[in-house]
C-alpha atoms as a PDB file:
ATOM      1  CA  UNK A   1       1.704   3.111  10.041  1.00  0.00           C
ATOM      2  CA  UNK A   2       4.704   2.317   7.865  1.00  0.00           C
ATOM      3  CA  UNK A   3       4.226   4.247   4.654  1.00  0.00           C
ATOM      4  CA  UNK A   4       6.705   6.068   2.433  1.00  0.00           C
ATOM      5  CA  UNK A   5       5.472   8.700  -0.029  1.00  0.00           C
ATOM      6  CA  UNK A   6       6.782  11.363  -2.420  1.00  0.00           C
ATOM      7  CA  UNK A   7       6.288  15.115  -1.979  1.00  0.00           C
ATOM      8  CA  UNK A   8       7.803  18.237  -3.437  1.00  0.00           C
ATOM      9  CA  UNK A   9       9.503  19.900  -0.411  1.00  0.00           C
ATOM     10  CA  UNK A  10       8.375  23.314  -1.667  1.00  0.00           C
ATOM     11  CA  UNK A  11       4.744  22.282  -1.138  1.00  0.00           C
ATOM     12  CA  UNK A  12       5.159  22.016   2.645  1.00  0.00           C
ATOM     13  CA  UNK A  13       2.741  24.123   4.692  1.00  0.00           C
ATOM     14  CA  UNK A  14       5.231  24.190   7.570  1.00  0.00           C
ATOM     15  CA  UNK A  15       8.451  22.547   8.717  1.00  0.00           C
ATOM     16  CA  UNK A  16       9.833  21.894  12.182  1.00  0.00           C
ATOM     17  CA  UNK A  17      12.619  19.931  13.845  1.00  0.00           C
ATOM     18  CA  UNK A  18      10.146  18.716  16.489  1.00  0.00           C
ATOM     19  CA  UNK A  19       7.176  16.390  15.822  1.00  0.00           C
ATOM     20  CA  UNK A  20       4.974  18.035  18.454  1.00  0.00           C
ATOM     21  CA  UNK A  21       5.683  21.466  16.968  1.00  0.00           C
ATOM     22  CA  UNK A  22       4.730  20.165  13.496  1.00  0.00           C
ATOM     23  CA  UNK A  23       1.502  18.753  14.938  1.00  0.00           C
ATOM     24  CA  UNK A  24       0.789  22.092  16.618  1.00  0.00           C
ATOM     25  CA  UNK A  25       1.371  23.899  13.296  1.00  0.00           C
ATOM     26  CA  UNK A  26      -1.101  21.555  11.597  1.00  0.00           C
ATOM     27  CA  UNK A  27      -3.674  22.215  14.336  1.00  0.00           C
ATOM     28  CA  UNK A  28      -3.211  25.985  14.015  1.00  0.00           C
ATOM     29  CA  UNK A  29      -3.514  25.772  10.232  1.00  0.00           C
ATOM     30  CA  UNK A  30      -6.745  23.758  10.571  1.00  0.00           C
ATOM     31  CA  UNK A  31      -8.159  26.257  13.068  1.00  0.00           C
ATOM     32  CA  UNK A  32      -7.503  29.173  10.724  1.00  0.00           C
ATOM     33  CA  UNK A  33      -8.485  27.580   7.416  1.00  0.00           C
ATOM     34  CA  UNK A  34     -10.842  24.761   8.379  1.00  0.00           C
ATOM     35  CA  UNK A  35     -10.195  21.148   7.535  1.00  0.00           C
ATOM     36  CA  UNK A  36     -11.287  21.279   3.903  1.00  0.00           C
ATOM     37  CA  UNK A  37      -8.282  19.189   2.832  1.00  0.00           C
ATOM     38  CA  UNK A  38      -6.523  16.373   4.658  1.00  0.00           C
ATOM     39  CA  UNK A  39      -3.036  16.989   6.042  1.00  0.00           C
ATOM     40  CA  UNK A  40      -0.018  14.747   6.544  1.00  0.00           C
ATOM     41  CA  UNK A  41       2.924  15.079   8.877  1.00  0.00           C
ATOM     42  CA  UNK A  42       5.929  13.433   7.254  1.00  0.00           C
ATOM     43  CA  UNK A  43       9.652  13.019   7.916  1.00  0.00           C
ATOM     44  CA  UNK A  44      12.203  13.085   5.062  1.00  0.00           C
ATOM     45  CA  UNK A  45      13.796   9.656   4.633  1.00  0.00           C
ATOM     46  CA  UNK A  46      17.279  11.014   3.946  1.00  0.00           C
ATOM     47  CA  UNK A  47      17.366  12.983   7.217  1.00  0.00           C
ATOM     48  CA  UNK A  48      17.252  11.829  10.825  1.00  0.00           C
ATOM     49  CA  UNK A  49      15.354  14.903  11.996  1.00  0.00           C
ATOM     50  CA  UNK A  50      12.738  17.335  10.834  1.00  0.00           C
ATOM     51  CA  UNK A  51       9.046  17.087  10.042  1.00  0.00           C
ATOM     52  CA  UNK A  52       6.954  18.716   7.349  1.00  0.00           C
ATOM     53  CA  UNK A  53       3.215  19.281   7.085  1.00  0.00           C
ATOM     54  CA  UNK A  54       1.680  18.740   3.639  1.00  0.00           C
ATOM     55  CA  UNK A  55      -1.770  18.621   2.102  1.00  0.00           C
ATOM     56  CA  UNK A  56      -2.504  14.915   1.692  1.00  0.00           C
ATOM     57  CA  UNK A  57      -3.699  15.441  -1.875  1.00  0.00           C
ATOM     58  CA  UNK A  58      -0.323  17.002  -2.871  1.00  0.00           C
ATOM     59  CA  UNK A  59       1.112  13.492  -2.712  1.00  0.00           C
ATOM     60  CA  UNK A  60       3.116  12.677  -5.859  1.00  0.00           C
ATOM     61  CA  UNK A  61       2.730   9.406  -7.701  1.00  0.00           C
ATOM     62  CA  UNK A  62       5.766   7.105  -7.575  1.00  0.00           C
ATOM     63  CA  UNK A  63       4.913   6.017 -11.139  1.00  0.00           C
ATOM     64  CA  UNK A  64       5.774   9.434 -12.571  1.00  0.00           C
ATOM     65  CA  UNK A  65       8.820  10.747 -10.703  1.00  0.00           C
ATOM     66  CA  UNK A  66       9.249  14.501 -10.815  1.00  0.00           C
ATOM     67  CA  UNK A  67      12.443  16.505 -10.419  1.00  0.00           C
ATOM     68  CA  UNK A  68      12.872  17.752  -6.884  1.00  0.00           C
ATOM     69  CA  UNK A  69      10.535  15.152  -5.361  1.00  0.00           C
ATOM     70  CA  UNK A  70      11.745  13.639  -2.091  1.00  0.00           C
ATOM     71  CA  UNK A  71      10.759  10.519  -0.224  1.00  0.00           C
ATOM     72  CA  UNK A  72       9.050  11.016   3.134  1.00  0.00           C
ATOM     73  CA  UNK A  73       7.851   8.673   5.830  1.00  0.00           C
ATOM     74  CA  UNK A  74       4.265   9.371   6.923  1.00  0.00           C
ATOM     75  CA  UNK A  75       4.117   9.992  10.662  1.00  0.00           C
ATOM     76  CA  UNK A  76       0.445  11.033  10.903  1.00  0.00           C
ATOM     77  CA  UNK A  77      -2.565  11.593   8.660  1.00  0.00           C
ATOM     78  CA  UNK A  78      -5.092  14.252   9.638  1.00  0.00           C
ATOM     79  CA  UNK A  79      -8.289  13.663   7.635  1.00  0.00           C
ATOM     80  CA  UNK A  80     -10.434  16.461   6.271  1.00  0.00           C
ATOM     81  CA  UNK A  81     -13.751  17.176   7.904  1.00  0.00           C
ATOM     82  CA  UNK A  82     -16.678  15.547   6.214  1.00  0.00           C
END
């Protein structure tokens, strides 16, 4: 998947320098809270390292840029449970 998106970094559920650790954090979060909302693991475009976990529906529209929004590359989408 080659997709770039905008998020507010302050909305991150967790952050890690390691992809597998970010994935583990997302799994732990889902186990504790259920998968009522989809999650995304994303990497900031302006950095070579680091991963953040966000709620997928916290995605910001590129049409209305907001102060503090950063561009991220989507590494993995974790859908909500139906």
